[in-house]
C-alpha atoms as a PDB file:
ATOM      1  CA  MET A   1      -0.002  -0.081   0.234  1.00  0.00           C
ATOM      2  CA  ALA A   2       1.315   3.263  -0.824  1.00  0.00           C
ATOM      3  CA  ASN A   3       2.023   6.025   1.336  1.00  0.00           C
ATOM      4  CA  TYR A   4       0.909   9.604   0.357  1.00  0.00           C
ATOM      5  CA  PHE A   5       2.382  13.056   1.379  1.00  0.00           C
ATOM      6  CA  ALA A   6      -0.053  14.632   4.027  1.00  0.00           C
ATOM      7  CA  TYR A   7      -1.227  18.129   3.906  1.00  0.00           C
ATOM      8  CA  THR A   8      -4.235  19.596   4.964  1.00  0.00           C
ATOM      9  CA  ASP A   9      -7.287  21.967   3.033  1.00  0.00           C
ATOM     10  CA  ASP A  10      -5.629  24.718   5.318  1.00  0.00           C
ATOM     11  CA  ASP A  11      -2.326  23.867   3.789  1.00  0.00           C
ATOM     12  CA  LEU A  12      -3.566  23.681   0.377  1.00  0.00           C
ATOM     13  CA  ALA A  13      -5.296  27.269   0.624  1.00  0.00           C
ATOM     14  CA  ALA A  14      -2.151  29.044   2.181  1.00  0.00           C
ATOM     15  CA  LEU A  15      -0.344  27.816  -0.671  1.00  0.00           C
ATOM     16  CA  ALA A  16      -2.791  29.113  -3.029  1.00  0.00           C
ATOM     17  CA  ALA A  17      -3.114  32.482  -1.078  1.00  0.00           C
ATOM     18  CA  LYS A  18       0.902  33.029  -1.328  1.00  0.00           C
ATOM     19  CA  ASN A  19       0.772  32.968  -5.327  1.00  0.00           C
ATOM     20  CA  LYS A  20      -1.462  34.216  -7.868  1.00  0.00           C
ATOM     21  CA  LYS A  21      -0.412  31.943 -10.546  1.00  0.00           C
ATOM     22  CA  LEU A  22      -0.005  28.756  -7.885  1.00  0.00           C
ATOM     23  CA  GLY A  23      -3.641  29.603  -6.566  1.00  0.00           C
ATOM     24  CA  ALA A  24      -4.965  29.488 -10.149  1.00  0.00           C
ATOM     25  CA  ALA A  25      -3.251  26.238 -10.761  1.00  0.00           C
ATOM     26  CA  ILE A  26      -4.684  24.773  -7.396  1.00  0.00           C
ATOM     27  CA  ALA A  27      -8.218  25.777  -8.227  1.00  0.00           C
ATOM     28  CA  ARG A  28      -7.868  24.324 -11.508  1.00  0.00           C
ATOM     29  CA  ILE A  29      -5.838  20.889 -10.833  1.00  0.00           C
ATOM     30  CA  GLY A  30      -7.028  20.590  -6.953  1.00  0.00           C
ATOM     31  CA  ARG A  31      -5.859  18.036  -4.670  1.00  0.00           C
ATOM     32  CA  ILE A  32      -2.563  15.962  -5.969  1.00  0.00           C
ATOM     33  CA  ASP A  33      -1.929  12.606  -4.108  1.00  0.00           C
ATOM     34  CA  ARG A  34       1.648  12.420  -4.083  1.00  0.00           C
ATOM     35  CA  VAL A  35       3.317   9.342  -3.265  1.00  0.00           C
ATOM     36  CA  VAL A  36       5.874   9.360  -0.581  1.00  0.00           C
ATOM     37  CA  GLN A  37       9.247   7.233  -1.342  1.00  0.00           C
ATOM     38  CA  PRO A  38      10.197   6.340   2.264  1.00  0.00           C
ATOM     39  CA  ASP A  39      13.913   5.685   1.200  1.00  0.00           C
ATOM     40  CA  LEU A  40      15.824   8.495   1.541  1.00  0.00           C
ATOM     41  CA  PHE A  41      18.797   7.275  -1.186  1.00  0.00           C
ATOM     42  CA  ALA A  42      16.177   5.712  -3.738  1.00  0.00           C
ATOM     43  CA  ALA A  43      14.124   9.083  -3.407  1.00  0.00           C
ATOM     44  CA  LEU A  44      17.400  10.985  -4.526  1.00  0.00           C
ATOM     45  CA  VAL A  45      18.260   8.603  -7.367  1.00  0.00           C
ATOM     46  CA  GLU A  46      14.176   8.827  -8.610  1.00  0.00           C
ATOM     47  CA  SER A  47      14.400  12.630  -8.545  1.00  0.00           C
ATOM     48  CA  ILE A  48      17.760  12.824 -10.243  1.00  0.00           C
ATOM     49  CA  ILE A  49      16.237  10.433 -13.147  1.00  0.00           C
ATOM     50  CA  GLY A  50      13.251  12.218 -13.177  1.00  0.00           C
ATOM     51  CA  GLN A  51      14.988  15.949 -13.476  1.00  0.00           C
ATOM     52  CA  GLN A  52      15.436  16.253 -17.272  1.00  0.00           C
ATOM     53  CA  ILE A  53      12.934  13.769 -18.856  1.00  0.00           C
ATOM     54  CA  SER A  54       9.330  12.880 -18.809  1.00  0.00           C
ATOM     55  CA  GLY A  55       7.507  11.052 -16.233  1.00  0.00           C
ATOM     56  CA  LYS A  56       6.984   7.908 -18.223  1.00  0.00           C
ATOM     57  CA  ALA A  57      10.627   7.601 -19.193  1.00  0.00           C
ATOM     58  CA  ALA A  58      11.508   8.502 -15.850  1.00  0.00           C
ATOM     59  CA  GLY A  59       9.435   5.396 -14.680  1.00  0.00           C
ATOM     60  CA  THR A  60      10.935   3.257 -17.279  1.00  0.00           C
ATOM     61  CA  ILE A  61      14.215   4.031 -16.239  1.00  0.00           C
ATOM     62  CA  LYS A  62      13.828   3.693 -12.580  1.00  0.00           C
ATOM     63  CA  ASP A  63      12.138  -0.115 -13.123  1.00  0.00           C
ATOM     64  CA  ARG A  64      15.078  -0.666 -15.168  1.00  0.00           C
ATOM     65  CA  LEU A  65      17.476  -0.134 -12.400  1.00  0.00           C
ATOM     66  CA  VAL A  66      15.330  -1.984  -9.909  1.00  0.00           C
ATOM     67  CA  THR A  67      15.442  -4.971 -12.034  1.00  0.00           C
ATOM     68  CA  LEU A  68      19.438  -4.693 -12.708  1.00  0.00           C
ATOM     69  CA  THR A  69      20.211  -3.893  -8.944  1.00  0.00           C
ATOM     70  CA  GLY A  70      17.470  -5.692  -6.934  1.00  0.00           C
ATOM     71  CA  GLY A  71      16.474  -2.516  -5.343  1.00  0.00           C
ATOM     72  CA  ILE A  72      18.039   0.837  -5.257  1.00  0.00           C
ATOM     73  CA  THR A  73      20.282   0.993  -2.536  1.00  0.00           C
ATOM     74  CA  PRO A  74      24.110   2.870  -2.232  1.00  0.00           C
ATOM     75  CA  THR A  75      25.696  -0.736  -2.089  1.00  0.00           C
ATOM     76  CA  ALA A  76      23.554  -1.895  -5.229  1.00  0.00           C
ATOM     77  CA  ILE A  77      24.488   1.358  -7.316  1.00  0.00           C
ATOM     78  CA  ALA A  78      28.319   1.153  -6.456  1.00  0.00           C
ATOM     79  CA  ALA A  79      28.679  -2.544  -7.499  1.00  0.00           C
ATOM     80  CA  LEU A  80      27.269  -1.521 -11.077  1.00  0.00           C
ATOM     81  CA  PRO A  81      30.009  -1.984 -13.685  1.00  0.00           C
ATOM     82  CA  ASP A  82      30.999   1.161 -15.318  1.00  0.00           C
ATOM     83  CA  GLU A  83      29.989   0.341 -18.628  1.00  0.00           C
ATOM     84  CA  GLY A  84      26.887  -1.422 -19.368  1.00  0.00           C
END
């Protein structure tokens, strides 16, 4: 079962009030349930993967990395050969 980032309606309203464009986006999009990655190293790697590419491509790369390593851990990443 996924864990989601917790925030209240008051938190959302405070963000919307801080910035006109952000407020308009919140009004248009509404509440977003964001899955929390509890492993901080894996979260960092996933963030790096997703920074410059689409979400779908990032998901594919992350899935391949998990398959290759058995899990995104510092030890598993360090054990990868320099050339693939």
